[in-house]
Amino acid sequence: MSTRQPADELQQRLAYVFRSPELLREALTHKSYLNEQPAAPNQDNERLEFLGDAVLDLVVSEFFVRRFPNAPEGDLSRLKASVVSEAALASVARELDLGAALALGRGEDLTGGRHKPSILANALEAVIAAVYLDGGLAAAHTVIERVFRTVLEDDTRWNVDPKTELQELCQRTFGVLPSYVVLQEAGPDHRKTFEVQLTIQNEIYGTGSGRSKKEAEQRAARLAIDRLRRR
């Protein structure tokens, strides 16, 4: 079996020190290890995985409800699913080098268990549950937002309609909605182009063009979002 990463190194990456280290040991113990070490004092991490899934769902759901206060339930569900998917969880687990810390059975280890997305995703959920049981919801919230920061702050993942995103940003920043005005339409009906100007509180924030009014508005909204974020 490969050398296991010391628990304190993982705690440094999590920026969280466990008051009950046995919770972290349980979170890092795969069932294959206990199959080969039946006398081991700790349980496997499946029970913690179950709890961690619920804790992660709650924290990520809250994040998106706050981030997109006017988004419909369907969009919120899609956004959450993109963060709590096996692929996303495994990616975060790799950034933490979580695989190196796992207690695996010899057979699972030899067949690449430390790199399997399912094992990594499940172990990360178990670690989240361990933090929750050790330090409460506030601690779990802090750890989740820290280790998922790259995922949560990557706006390109969400594919949110720029007009919807700008509307929410304007309401938070100014307490008003943006205005769109069609400056011109050009070309024949089957190849018409539109140019739209976007203003916020009578100040021009972007101008966009497109094959439809909606496309032009979306491009103008994206420019306005970029400008507001540079403020």
C-alpha atoms as a PDB file:
ATOM      1  CA  MET A   1       0.000   0.000   0.000  1.00  0.00           C
ATOM      2  CA  SER A   2       1.222   3.492  -0.817  1.00  0.00           C
ATOM      3  CA  THR A   3       2.387   5.718   1.991  1.00  0.00           C
ATOM      4  CA  ARG A   4      -0.550   7.582   3.480  1.00  0.00           C
ATOM      5  CA  GLN A   5      -0.431  11.330   3.705  1.00  0.00           C
ATOM      6  CA  PRO A   6      -0.237  12.486   7.329  1.00  0.00           C
ATOM      7  CA  ALA A   7      -3.561  13.802   8.604  1.00  0.00           C
ATOM      8  CA  ASP A   8      -2.052  17.128   9.587  1.00  0.00           C
ATOM      9  CA  GLU A   9      -1.068  17.837   5.960  1.00  0.00           C
ATOM     10  CA  LEU A  10      -4.640  17.356   4.818  1.00  0.00           C
ATOM     11  CA  GLN A  11      -5.865  19.527   7.676  1.00  0.00           C
ATOM     12  CA  GLN A  12      -3.531  22.263   6.488  1.00  0.00           C
ATOM     13  CA  ARG A  13      -5.041  22.067   3.022  1.00  0.00           C
ATOM     14  CA  LEU A  14      -8.511  22.203   4.509  1.00  0.00           C
ATOM     15  CA  ALA A  15      -7.428  25.035   6.831  1.00  0.00           C
ATOM     16  CA  TYR A  16      -9.282  23.158   9.548  1.00  0.00           C
ATOM     17  CA  VAL A  17      -7.872  21.303  12.576  1.00  0.00           C
ATOM     18  CA  PHE A  18     -10.038  18.509  13.951  1.00  0.00           C
ATOM     19  CA  ARG A  19     -10.767  18.413  17.635  1.00  0.00           C
ATOM     20  CA  SER A  20     -11.715  14.752  17.186  1.00  0.00           C
ATOM     21  CA  PRO A  21      -9.114  13.243  14.818  1.00  0.00           C
ATOM     22  CA  GLU A  22     -10.985   9.932  14.788  1.00  0.00           C
ATOM     23  CA  LEU A  23     -13.656  11.591  12.645  1.00  0.00           C
ATOM     24  CA  LEU A  24     -11.085  12.412   9.997  1.00  0.00           C
ATOM     25  CA  ARG A  25      -9.674   8.881  10.152  1.00  0.00           C
ATOM     26  CA  GLU A  26     -13.140   7.468   9.569  1.00  0.00           C
ATOM     27  CA  ALA A  27     -13.720   9.839   6.663  1.00  0.00           C
ATOM     28  CA  LEU A  28     -10.519   8.619   5.016  1.00  0.00           C
ATOM     29  CA  THR A  29     -11.177   4.901   5.498  1.00  0.00           C
ATOM     30  CA  HIS A  30     -12.490   3.091   2.431  1.00  0.00           C
ATOM     31  CA  LYS A  31     -14.467  -0.113   2.901  1.00  0.00           C
ATOM     32  CA  SER A  32     -11.788  -2.081   1.046  1.00  0.00           C
ATOM     33  CA  TYR A  33      -9.347  -1.315   3.857  1.00  0.00           C
ATOM     34  CA  LEU A  34     -11.631  -2.727   6.525  1.00  0.00           C
ATOM     35  CA  ASN A  35     -12.266  -5.806   4.406  1.00  0.00           C
ATOM     36  CA  GLU A  36      -8.557  -6.573   4.740  1.00  0.00           C
ATOM     37  CA  GLN A  37      -8.179  -5.174   8.260  1.00  0.00           C
ATOM     38  CA  PRO A  38     -11.293  -6.432  10.094  1.00  0.00           C
ATOM     39  CA  ALA A  39      -9.729  -5.682  13.484  1.00  0.00           C
ATOM     40  CA  ALA A  40      -9.243  -1.985  12.664  1.00  0.00           C
ATOM     41  CA  PRO A  41     -10.988   0.197  15.277  1.00  0.00           C
ATOM     42  CA  ASN A  42     -12.556   2.673  12.860  1.00  0.00           C
ATOM     43  CA  GLN A  43     -15.556   2.348  10.513  1.00  0.00           C
ATOM     44  CA  ASP A  44     -15.504   2.888   6.772  1.00  0.00           C
ATOM     45  CA  ASN A  45     -16.578   6.266   5.430  1.00  0.00           C
ATOM     46  CA  GLU A  46     -19.920   5.354   3.857  1.00  0.00           C
ATOM     47  CA  ARG A  47     -22.061   6.687   6.719  1.00  0.00           C
ATOM     48  CA  LEU A  48     -20.159   9.977   6.679  1.00  0.00           C
ATOM     49  CA  GLU A  49     -20.477  10.114   2.898  1.00  0.00           C
ATOM     50  CA  PHE A  50     -24.267   9.970   3.285  1.00  0.00           C
ATOM     51  CA  LEU A  51     -24.260  12.875   5.731  1.00  0.00           C
ATOM     52  CA  GLY A  52     -21.701  14.898   3.802  1.00  0.00           C
ATOM     53  CA  ASP A  53     -23.844  14.738   0.681  1.00  0.00           C
ATOM     54  CA  ALA A  54     -26.681  16.444   2.590  1.00  0.00           C
ATOM     55  CA  VAL A  55     -24.419  19.075   4.169  1.00  0.00           C
ATOM     56  CA  LEU A  56     -22.842  19.927   0.818  1.00  0.00           C
ATOM     57  CA  ASP A  57     -26.260  20.190  -0.828  1.00  0.00           C
ATOM     58  CA  LEU A  58     -27.395  22.644   1.832  1.00  0.00           C
ATOM     59  CA  VAL A  59     -24.342  24.909   1.664  1.00  0.00           C
ATOM     60  CA  VAL A  60     -24.174  24.964  -2.141  1.00  0.00           C
ATOM     61  CA  SER A  61     -27.927  25.545  -2.424  1.00  0.00           C
ATOM     62  CA  GLU A  62     -27.673  28.490  -0.044  1.00  0.00           C
ATOM     63  CA  PHE A  63     -24.746  29.895  -2.030  1.00  0.00           C
ATOM     64  CA  PHE A  64     -26.721  29.938  -5.272  1.00  0.00           C
ATOM     65  CA  VAL A  65     -29.922  31.234  -3.718  1.00  0.00           C
ATOM     66  CA  ARG A  66     -27.928  34.200  -2.421  1.00  0.00           C
ATOM     67  CA  ARG A  67     -25.896  34.609  -5.618  1.00  0.00           C
ATOM     68  CA  PHE A  68     -28.891  34.480  -7.959  1.00  0.00           C
ATOM     69  CA  PRO A  69     -31.872  35.694  -5.890  1.00  0.00           C
ATOM     70  CA  ASN A  70     -34.236  35.822  -8.874  1.00  0.00           C
ATOM     71  CA  ALA A  71     -33.240  32.579 -10.580  1.00  0.00           C
ATOM     72  CA  PRO A  72     -36.037  29.997 -10.957  1.00  0.00           C
ATOM     73  CA  GLU A  73     -35.863  26.661  -9.143  1.00  0.00           C
ATOM     74  CA  GLY A  74     -34.892  24.809 -12.313  1.00  0.00           C
ATOM     75  CA  ASP A  75     -31.820  26.983 -12.867  1.00  0.00           C
ATOM     76  CA  LEU A  76     -30.812  26.685  -9.211  1.00  0.00           C
ATOM     77  CA  SER A  77     -31.070  22.896  -9.390  1.00  0.00           C
ATOM     78  CA  ARG A  78     -28.903  22.856 -12.510  1.00  0.00           C
ATOM     79  CA  LEU A  79     -26.292  25.089 -10.899  1.00  0.00           C
ATOM     80  CA  LYS A  80     -26.137  22.970  -7.766  1.00  0.00           C
ATOM     81  CA  ALA A  81     -25.878  19.769  -9.784  1.00  0.00           C
ATOM     82  CA  SER A  82     -22.836  21.121 -11.618  1.00  0.00           C
ATOM     83  CA  VAL A  83     -21.019  21.613  -8.297  1.00  0.00           C
ATOM     84  CA  VAL A  84     -22.004  18.416  -6.486  1.00  0.00           C
ATOM     85  CA  SER A  85     -21.505  16.091  -9.475  1.00  0.00           C
ATOM     86  CA  GLU A  86     -19.017  13.267  -9.122  1.00  0.00           C
ATOM     87  CA  ALA A  87     -16.682  14.893 -11.645  1.00  0.00           C
ATOM     88  CA  ALA A  88     -16.663  18.239  -9.805  1.00  0.00           C
ATOM     89  CA  LEU A  89     -16.159  16.604  -6.402  1.00  0.00           C
ATOM     90  CA  ALA A  90     -13.333  14.447  -7.710  1.00  0.00           C
ATOM     91  CA  SER A  91     -11.645  17.524  -9.169  1.00  0.00           C
ATOM     92  CA  VAL A  92     -11.755  19.325  -5.808  1.00  0.00           C
ATOM     93  CA  ALA A  93     -10.515  16.165  -4.069  1.00  0.00           C
ATOM     94  CA  ARG A  94      -7.520  16.055  -6.413  1.00  0.00           C
ATOM     95  CA  GLU A  95      -6.674  19.668  -5.604  1.00  0.00           C
ATOM     96  CA  LEU A  96      -6.601  18.643  -1.932  1.00  0.00           C
ATOM     97  CA  ASP A  97      -4.498  15.569  -2.796  1.00  0.00           C
ATOM     98  CA  LEU A  98      -7.130  13.637  -0.901  1.00  0.00           C
ATOM     99  CA  GLY A  99      -6.318  10.365  -2.613  1.00  0.00           C
ATOM    100  CA  ALA A 100      -2.904  10.244  -0.981  1.00  0.00           C
ATOM    101  CA  ALA A 101      -4.508  10.300   2.466  1.00  0.00           C
ATOM    102  CA  LEU A 102      -6.969   7.444   1.942  1.00  0.00           C
ATOM    103  CA  ALA A 103      -6.753   4.103   3.722  1.00  0.00           C
ATOM    104  CA  LEU A 104      -7.420   1.594   0.942  1.00  0.00           C
ATOM    105  CA  GLY A 105      -7.229  -2.136   0.668  1.00  0.00           C
ATOM    106  CA  ARG A 106      -4.201  -3.450  -1.184  1.00  0.00           C
ATOM    107  CA  GLY A 107      -6.232  -4.604  -4.166  1.00  0.00           C
ATOM    108  CA  GLU A 108      -8.055  -1.283  -4.495  1.00  0.00           C
ATOM    109  CA  ASP A 109      -4.782   0.584  -4.137  1.00  0.00           C
ATOM    110  CA  LEU A 110      -3.052  -1.483  -6.821  1.00  0.00           C
ATOM    111  CA  THR A 111      -5.892  -0.900  -9.279  1.00  0.00           C
ATOM    112  CA  GLY A 112      -5.668   2.887  -8.961  1.00  0.00           C
ATOM    113  CA  GLY A 113      -8.249   3.466  -6.262  1.00  0.00           C
ATOM    114  CA  ARG A 114      -6.578   6.694  -5.140  1.00  0.00           C
ATOM    115  CA  HIS A 115      -7.417   8.209  -8.514  1.00  0.00           C
ATOM    116  CA  LYS A 116     -10.916   6.829  -9.101  1.00  0.00           C
ATOM    117  CA  PRO A 117     -13.467   9.669  -9.333  1.00  0.00           C
ATOM    118  CA  SER A 118     -16.114   7.772  -7.370  1.00  0.00           C
ATOM    119  CA  ILE A 119     -13.783   7.029  -4.452  1.00  0.00           C
ATOM    120  CA  LEU A 120     -12.438  10.581  -4.381  1.00  0.00           C
ATOM    121  CA  ALA A 121     -15.912  12.155  -4.579  1.00  0.00           C
ATOM    122  CA  ASN A 122     -17.269   9.926  -1.818  1.00  0.00           C
ATOM    123  CA  ALA A 123     -14.260  10.572   0.408  1.00  0.00           C
ATOM    124  CA  LEU A 124     -14.622  14.334  -0.010  1.00  0.00           C
ATOM    125  CA  GLU A 125     -18.263  14.144   1.069  1.00  0.00           C
ATOM    126  CA  ALA A 126     -17.176  12.077   4.068  1.00  0.00           C
ATOM    127  CA  VAL A 127     -14.560  14.682   5.013  1.00  0.00           C
ATOM    128  CA  ILE A 128     -17.202  17.414   4.788  1.00  0.00           C
ATOM    129  CA  ALA A 129     -19.419  15.411   7.147  1.00  0.00           C
ATOM    130  CA  ALA A 130     -16.495  14.935   9.522  1.00  0.00           C
ATOM    131  CA  VAL A 131     -15.954  18.704   9.629  1.00  0.00           C
ATOM    132  CA  TYR A 132     -19.670  19.209  10.253  1.00  0.00           C
ATOM    133  CA  LEU A 133     -19.750  16.728  13.152  1.00  0.00           C
ATOM    134  CA  ASP A 134     -16.533  18.093  14.592  1.00  0.00           C
ATOM    135  CA  GLY A 135     -17.174  21.821  14.306  1.00  0.00           C
ATOM    136  CA  GLY A 136     -20.810  22.335  13.325  1.00  0.00           C
ATOM    137  CA  LEU A 137     -22.479  23.853  10.290  1.00  0.00           C
ATOM    138  CA  ALA A 138     -20.507  27.103  10.437  1.00  0.00           C
ATOM    139  CA  ALA A 139     -17.212  25.203  10.201  1.00  0.00           C
ATOM    140  CA  ALA A 140     -18.503  23.060   7.346  1.00  0.00           C
ATOM    141  CA  HIS A 141     -19.764  26.170   5.539  1.00  0.00           C
ATOM    142  CA  THR A 142     -16.342  27.824   5.816  1.00  0.00           C
ATOM    143  CA  VAL A 143     -14.452  24.756   4.626  1.00  0.00           C
ATOM    144  CA  ILE A 144     -16.804  24.131   1.700  1.00  0.00           C
ATOM    145  CA  GLU A 145     -16.632  27.716   0.467  1.00  0.00           C
ATOM    146  CA  ARG A 146     -12.842  27.619   0.772  1.00  0.00           C
ATOM    147  CA  VAL A 147     -12.136  24.327  -0.995  1.00  0.00           C
ATOM    148  CA  PHE A 148     -14.822  24.889  -3.637  1.00  0.00           C
ATOM    149  CA  ARG A 149     -13.845  28.516  -4.226  1.00  0.00           C
ATOM    150  CA  THR A 150     -12.405  27.888  -7.698  1.00  0.00           C
ATOM    151  CA  VAL A 151     -15.575  26.079  -8.771  1.00  0.00           C
ATOM    152  CA  LEU A 152     -18.014  28.517  -7.201  1.00  0.00           C
ATOM    153  CA  GLU A 153     -16.286  31.615  -8.575  1.00  0.00           C
ATOM    154  CA  ASP A 154     -15.927  30.301 -12.126  1.00  0.00           C
ATOM    155  CA  ASP A 155     -18.780  32.174 -13.774  1.00  0.00           C
ATOM    156  CA  THR A 156     -18.162  30.453 -17.115  1.00  0.00           C
ATOM    157  CA  ARG A 157     -19.507  27.219 -15.600  1.00  0.00           C
ATOM    158  CA  TRP A 158     -22.958  28.527 -14.885  1.00  0.00           C
ATOM    159  CA  ASN A 159     -24.077  29.602 -18.340  1.00  0.00           C
ATOM    160  CA  VAL A 160     -26.497  31.997 -16.694  1.00  0.00           C
ATOM    161  CA  ASP A 161     -28.305  34.310 -19.095  1.00  0.00           C
ATOM    162  CA  PRO A 162     -26.252  37.563 -18.976  1.00  0.00           C
ATOM    163  CA  LYS A 163     -29.476  39.603 -18.826  1.00  0.00           C
ATOM    164  CA  THR A 164     -30.624  37.707 -15.739  1.00  0.00           C
ATOM    165  CA  GLU A 165     -27.222  38.004 -14.116  1.00  0.00           C
ATOM    166  CA  LEU A 166     -27.024  41.726 -14.839  1.00  0.00           C
ATOM    167  CA  GLN A 167     -30.521  42.296 -13.489  1.00  0.00           C
ATOM    168  CA  GLU A 168     -29.546  40.659 -10.194  1.00  0.00           C
ATOM    169  CA  LEU A 169     -26.252  42.558 -10.079  1.00  0.00           C
ATOM    170  CA  CYS A 170     -27.997  45.886 -10.710  1.00  0.00           C
ATOM    171  CA  GLN A 171     -30.597  45.233  -8.036  1.00  0.00           C
ATOM    172  CA  ARG A 172     -27.885  44.450  -5.494  1.00  0.00           C
ATOM    173  CA  THR A 173     -25.658  47.368  -6.498  1.00  0.00           C
ATOM    174  CA  PHE A 174     -28.057  50.160  -7.477  1.00  0.00           C
ATOM    175  CA  GLY A 175     -31.538  49.020  -6.516  1.00  0.00           C
ATOM    176  CA  VAL A 176     -32.710  49.548 -10.114  1.00  0.00           C
ATOM    177  CA  LEU A 177     -32.990  47.549 -13.327  1.00  0.00           C
ATOM    178  CA  PRO A 178     -30.975  48.114 -16.529  1.00  0.00           C
ATOM    179  CA  SER A 179     -32.649  49.622 -19.601  1.00  0.00           C
ATOM    180  CA  TYR A 180     -32.242  48.445 -23.215  1.00  0.00           C
ATOM    181  CA  VAL A 181     -32.852  50.612 -26.274  1.00  0.00           C
ATOM    182  CA  VAL A 182     -32.643  49.408 -29.877  1.00  0.00           C
ATOM    183  CA  LEU A 183     -30.402  51.882 -31.700  1.00  0.00           C
ATOM    184  CA  GLN A 184     -30.895  50.442 -35.154  1.00  0.00           C
ATOM    185  CA  GLU A 185     -32.064  47.500 -37.234  1.00  0.00           C
ATOM    186  CA  ALA A 186     -30.300  46.764 -40.501  1.00  0.00           C
ATOM    187  CA  GLY A 187     -30.528  44.279 -43.333  1.00  0.00           C
ATOM    188  CA  PRO A 188     -33.331  42.268 -44.930  1.00  0.00           C
ATOM    189  CA  ASP A 189     -35.807  40.417 -42.730  1.00  0.00           C
ATOM    190  CA  HIS A 190     -34.070  37.054 -43.151  1.00  0.00           C
ATOM    191  CA  ARG A 191     -30.638  38.515 -42.242  1.00  0.00           C
ATOM    192  CA  LYS A 192     -31.486  41.433 -40.004  1.00  0.00           C
ATOM    193  CA  THR A 193     -29.018  42.681 -37.381  1.00  0.00           C
ATOM    194  CA  PHE A 194     -29.831  44.645 -34.270  1.00  0.00           C
ATOM    195  CA  GLU A 195     -27.771  47.118 -32.264  1.00  0.00           C
ATOM    196  CA  VAL A 196     -28.832  47.658 -28.657  1.00  0.00           C
ATOM    197  CA  GLN A 197     -27.602  50.151 -26.086  1.00  0.00           C
ATOM    198  CA  LEU A 198     -27.776  49.349 -22.374  1.00  0.00           C
ATOM    199  CA  THR A 199     -27.993  52.022 -19.695  1.00  0.00           C
ATOM    200  CA  ILE A 200     -28.063  51.920 -15.915  1.00  0.00           C
ATOM    201  CA  GLN A 201     -29.294  55.030 -14.151  1.00  0.00           C
ATOM    202  CA  ASN A 202     -29.052  56.894 -17.490  1.00  0.00           C
ATOM    203  CA  GLU A 203     -25.381  55.968 -17.920  1.00  0.00           C
ATOM    204  CA  ILE A 204     -24.310  53.880 -20.936  1.00  0.00           C
ATOM    205  CA  TYR A 205     -22.749  50.601 -19.823  1.00  0.00           C
ATOM    206  CA  GLY A 206     -22.605  48.647 -23.068  1.00  0.00           C
ATOM    207  CA  THR A 207     -23.644  48.342 -26.685  1.00  0.00           C
ATOM    208  CA  GLY A 208     -24.172  45.015 -28.393  1.00  0.00           C
ATOM    209  CA  SER A 209     -25.157  43.747 -31.813  1.00  0.00           C
ATOM    210  CA  GLY A 210     -26.606  40.443 -32.957  1.00  0.00           C
ATOM    211  CA  ARG A 211     -28.885  38.597 -35.342  1.00  0.00           C
ATOM    212  CA  SER A 212     -31.762  39.056 -32.928  1.00  0.00           C
ATOM    213  CA  LYS A 213     -32.755  41.646 -30.367  1.00  0.00           C
ATOM    214  CA  LYS A 214     -32.195  39.092 -27.604  1.00  0.00           C
ATOM    215  CA  GLU A 215     -28.681  38.281 -28.786  1.00  0.00           C
ATOM    216  CA  ALA A 216     -27.783  41.973 -28.976  1.00  0.00           C
ATOM    217  CA  GLU A 217     -29.153  42.560 -25.472  1.00  0.00           C
ATOM    218  CA  GLN A 218     -27.179  39.606 -24.097  1.00  0.00           C
ATOM    219  CA  ARG A 219     -23.936  40.919 -25.573  1.00  0.00           C
ATOM    220  CA  ALA A 220     -24.572  44.377 -24.171  1.00  0.00           C
ATOM    221  CA  ALA A 221     -25.366  42.827 -20.786  1.00  0.00           C
ATOM    222  CA  ARG A 222     -22.103  40.873 -20.782  1.00  0.00           C
ATOM    223  CA  LEU A 223     -20.145  44.080 -21.420  1.00  0.00           C
ATOM    224  CA  ALA A 224     -21.993  45.810 -18.598  1.00  0.00           C
ATOM    225  CA  ILE A 225     -21.280  42.935 -16.193  1.00  0.00           C
ATOM    226  CA  ASP A 226     -17.577  43.071 -17.020  1.00  0.00           C
ATOM    227  CA  ARG A 227     -17.536  46.837 -16.444  1.00  0.00           C
ATOM    228  CA  LEU A 228     -19.378  46.594 -13.113  1.00  0.00           C
ATOM    229  CA  ARG A 229     -16.982  43.937 -11.851  1.00  0.00           C
ATOM    230  CA  ARG A 230     -14.000  46.152 -12.617  1.00  0.00           C
ATOM    231  CA  ARG A 231     -15.408  48.960 -10.463  1.00  0.00           C
END
